[in-house]
Protein backbone atom coordinates (compact mmCIF):
# COMPACT_ATOMS: atom_id res chain seq x y z
CA MET A 1 0.00 0.00 0.00
CA ALA A 2 1.39 3.42 -0.93
CA THR A 3 1.88 6.10 1.72
CA PRO A 4 -0.19 9.23 1.09
CA THR A 5 1.73 12.30 -0.04
CA PRO A 6 0.97 15.68 1.53
CA PRO A 7 -0.92 18.18 -0.60
CA PRO A 8 1.39 20.37 -2.73
CA ILE A 9 0.36 23.56 -0.93
CA LEU A 10 1.54 22.10 2.38
CA LEU A 11 4.93 21.28 0.86
CA VAL A 12 5.25 24.84 -0.47
CA LEU A 13 4.42 26.30 2.96
CA LEU A 14 6.95 24.02 4.66
CA LEU A 15 9.62 25.08 2.16
CA LEU A 16 8.84 28.77 2.73
CA VAL A 17 9.02 28.45 6.51
CA ALA A 18 12.26 26.49 6.27
CA SER A 19 13.80 29.07 3.95
CA PHE A 20 13.42 31.95 6.44
CA PRO A 21 16.33 32.26 8.86
CA SER A 22 15.48 31.37 12.44
CA HIS A 23 16.45 34.84 13.75
CA THR A 24 13.79 36.37 11.52
CA ARG A 25 11.12 34.20 13.11
CA ALA A 26 12.39 35.04 16.60
CA ALA A 27 12.44 38.74 15.82
CA ALA A 28 8.87 38.57 14.60
CA ALA A 29 7.83 37.03 17.90
CA ALA A 30 9.65 39.68 19.97
CA PRO A 31 7.96 42.96 20.82
CA LEU A 32 8.69 45.77 18.41
CA SER A 33 9.90 48.17 21.10
CA ALA A 34 10.41 48.21 24.83
CA SER A 35 8.73 50.78 27.03
CA PRO A 36 10.75 53.76 28.28
CA PHE A 37 10.49 52.26 31.77
CA ASP A 38 11.99 48.97 30.56
CA ALA A 39 14.79 50.88 28.81
CA ALA A 40 15.48 52.85 32.01
CA LEU A 41 15.58 49.60 34.00
CA ALA A 42 18.13 48.15 31.56
CA VAL A 43 20.35 51.21 31.99
CA LEU A 44 19.94 51.01 35.76
CA GLN A 45 21.01 47.35 35.82
CA SER A 46 24.09 48.31 33.86
CA ARG A 47 24.94 51.13 36.27
CA VAL A 48 24.40 48.90 39.29
CA GLY A 49 26.49 46.12 37.80
CA TYR A 50 23.92 43.44 38.50
CA ALA A 51 21.77 41.64 35.93
CA PHE A 52 18.46 40.49 37.39
CA ARG A 53 17.35 36.96 36.65
CA ALA A 54 13.84 38.09 37.60
CA PRO A 55 13.45 41.62 36.18
CA SER A 56 10.02 41.84 37.80
CA LEU A 57 11.84 42.36 41.12
CA LEU A 58 13.61 45.44 39.75
CA ARG A 59 10.31 46.70 38.31
CA ARG A 60 8.72 46.36 41.74
CA ALA A 61 11.70 48.00 43.46
CA MET A 62 11.42 51.00 41.15
CA THR A 63 7.70 51.40 41.84
CA HIS A 64 6.72 53.74 44.69
CA ALA A 65 3.73 52.99 46.91
CA SER A 66 1.99 56.10 45.57
CA TYR A 67 2.01 54.53 42.10
CA SER A 68 0.86 50.97 42.75
CA ARG A 69 0.00 48.47 45.44
CA GLU A 70 2.69 46.29 43.87
CA ASN A 71 5.65 48.35 45.03
CA GLY A 72 9.06 48.07 46.62
CA ARG A 73 8.26 48.90 50.25
CA ALA A 74 8.82 45.37 51.57
CA LEU A 75 11.96 45.03 49.46
CA ALA A 76 13.23 48.28 51.01
CA VAL A 77 12.97 46.72 54.48
CA LEU A 78 15.18 43.85 53.35
CA GLY A 79 17.51 46.26 51.53
CA LEU A 80 18.04 48.34 54.66
CA ALA A 81 18.72 45.21 56.72
CA ALA A 82 21.21 43.96 54.11
CA ALA A 83 22.95 47.35 53.98
CA GLU A 84 23.20 47.56 57.76
CA SER A 85 24.48 43.99 57.94
CA ALA A 86 27.11 44.68 55.27
CA ALA A 87 28.23 47.85 57.06
CA ALA A 88 28.49 46.12 60.44
CA LEU A 89 30.40 43.24 58.90
CA ARG A 90 32.84 45.60 57.22
CA ALA A 91 33.37 47.54 60.48
CA LEU A 92 34.10 44.33 62.39
CA ALA A 93 36.34 42.97 59.63
CA ALA A 94 38.42 46.13 59.93
CA ASP A 95 38.59 45.95 63.74
CA LEU A 96 37.26 42.89 65.53
CA ASP A 97 37.88 44.65 68.86
CA ALA A 98 35.82 47.70 67.86
CA ALA A 99 33.48 49.05 70.49
CA PRO A 100 29.83 48.27 69.85
CA SER A 101 29.15 52.01 69.64
CA ALA A 102 31.77 52.34 66.86
CA VAL A 103 30.19 49.48 64.89
CA SER A 104 26.76 51.02 65.42
CA ARG A 105 28.00 54.44 64.29
CA ALA A 106 29.68 53.01 61.18
CA THR A 107 26.50 51.11 60.35
CA SER A 108 24.30 54.15 60.88
CA GLU A 109 26.51 56.37 58.73
CA ALA A 110 26.84 53.91 55.85
CA ALA A 111 23.13 53.05 55.75
CA SER A 112 21.77 56.49 56.66
CA GLY A 113 18.91 58.05 54.77
CA ALA A 114 21.10 60.93 53.62
CA ALA A 115 23.84 58.65 52.23
CA CYS A 116 21.16 56.47 50.66
CA ALA A 117 19.43 59.41 48.97
CA ARG A 118 22.77 60.72 47.63
CA ALA A 119 23.68 57.30 46.23
CA GLY A 120 20.24 56.93 44.65
CA ALA A 121 20.38 60.39 43.10
CA ARG A 122 23.85 59.76 41.63
CA LEU A 123 22.59 56.46 40.26
CA GLY A 124 19.75 58.26 38.49
CA ILE A 125 16.88 56.74 40.44
CA PRO A 126 14.74 59.92 40.23
CA ASN A 127 14.63 59.35 36.45
CA VAL A 128 13.56 55.72 36.83
CA VAL A 129 11.27 55.33 39.84
CA ARG A 130 7.55 55.36 39.08
CA VAL A 131 5.50 57.64 41.32
CA ALA A 132 1.99 59.07 41.31
CA GLY A 133 1.47 62.54 39.86
CA ARG A 134 1.57 64.41 43.18
CA THR A 135 4.69 62.63 44.44
CA SER A 136 8.17 63.96 43.66
CA ALA A 137 10.45 61.29 42.26
CA SER A 138 13.44 63.30 43.49
CA ALA A 139 12.28 63.54 47.13
CA PRO A 140 15.04 62.07 49.32
CA THR A 141 12.66 59.60 50.98
CA VAL A 142 11.44 58.36 47.59
CA VAL A 143 14.97 58.03 46.19
CA CYS A 144 16.30 56.31 49.31
CA GLY A 145 13.32 53.97 49.49
CA ALA A 146 13.83 52.96 45.86
CA LEU A 147 17.55 52.41 46.37
CA ARG A 148 16.93 50.28 49.45
CA ALA A 149 14.27 48.36 47.51
CA LEU A 150 16.80 47.78 44.73
CA VAL A 151 19.28 46.32 47.25
CA GLY A 152 16.49 44.17 48.67
CA ALA A 153 15.52 43.05 45.18
CA VAL A 154 19.11 41.94 44.57
CA ALA A 155 18.97 39.90 47.79
CA VAL A 156 15.77 38.15 46.70
CA ASP A 157 16.94 37.67 43.10
CA ALA A 158 20.28 36.18 44.17
CA ASN A 159 18.80 34.54 47.27
CA SER A 160 21.72 36.09 49.10
CA THR A 161 22.22 39.09 51.33
CA ASP A 162 25.91 38.81 50.43
CA ALA A 163 25.11 39.75 46.83
CA ALA A 164 22.97 42.62 48.10
CA GLY A 165 25.84 43.77 50.32
CA GLU A 166 28.20 43.75 47.34
CA VAL A 167 25.80 45.94 45.35
CA PHE A 168 25.36 48.21 48.39
CA TRP A 169 29.12 48.74 48.72
CA ARG A 170 29.53 49.25 44.98
CA LEU A 171 26.90 52.00 45.08
CA HIS A 172 28.36 53.42 48.29
CA ALA A 173 31.83 53.57 46.70
CA LEU A 174 30.44 55.28 43.59
CA THR A 175 28.79 57.90 45.78
CA SER A 176 31.89 58.39 47.93
CA SER A 177 34.20 58.76 44.91
CA ALA A 178 31.77 61.18 43.24
CA ALA A 179 31.62 63.25 46.44
CA VAL A 180 35.43 63.35 46.65
CA ALA A 181 35.67 64.36 42.97
CA ALA A 182 33.17 67.20 43.58
CA VAL A 183 35.35 68.71 46.35
């Protein structure tokens, strides 16, 4: 018994599909353009030096509570804890016999709201964070909250406060070197 042959039109369609390069098919499936917010997040990841495996965490971190119920407030709590932990660890690594008050002071200074807002502003967070119309994206509390949320998002994404601490110190060093250069 002879095997049935496919209709000629089906063969032509198969040949046409096979003749297009695979990257053309993939490009057709990809969105034509990313949103400005997505582009800003890509630039921010590059500046931070950390590529998110779950970009939705960065999106949430860069969303203020005034903008959406899905925001970075809880991530900011983790980010602050990771920053304080990293600062205390660094203080003790430098001097294991340091007085508790010295460790506390070093932690407070490194993770302070003022230092956080400066680091966030230098990083460009006011240009990225989504806020409601009546909220200023450049307000220090908004900028600091977003930066802390970013550090918290790194901790969740990497499942490691160590990774968050590394990002914290990288941002802290960028801010410190920019402040020295400004003097």
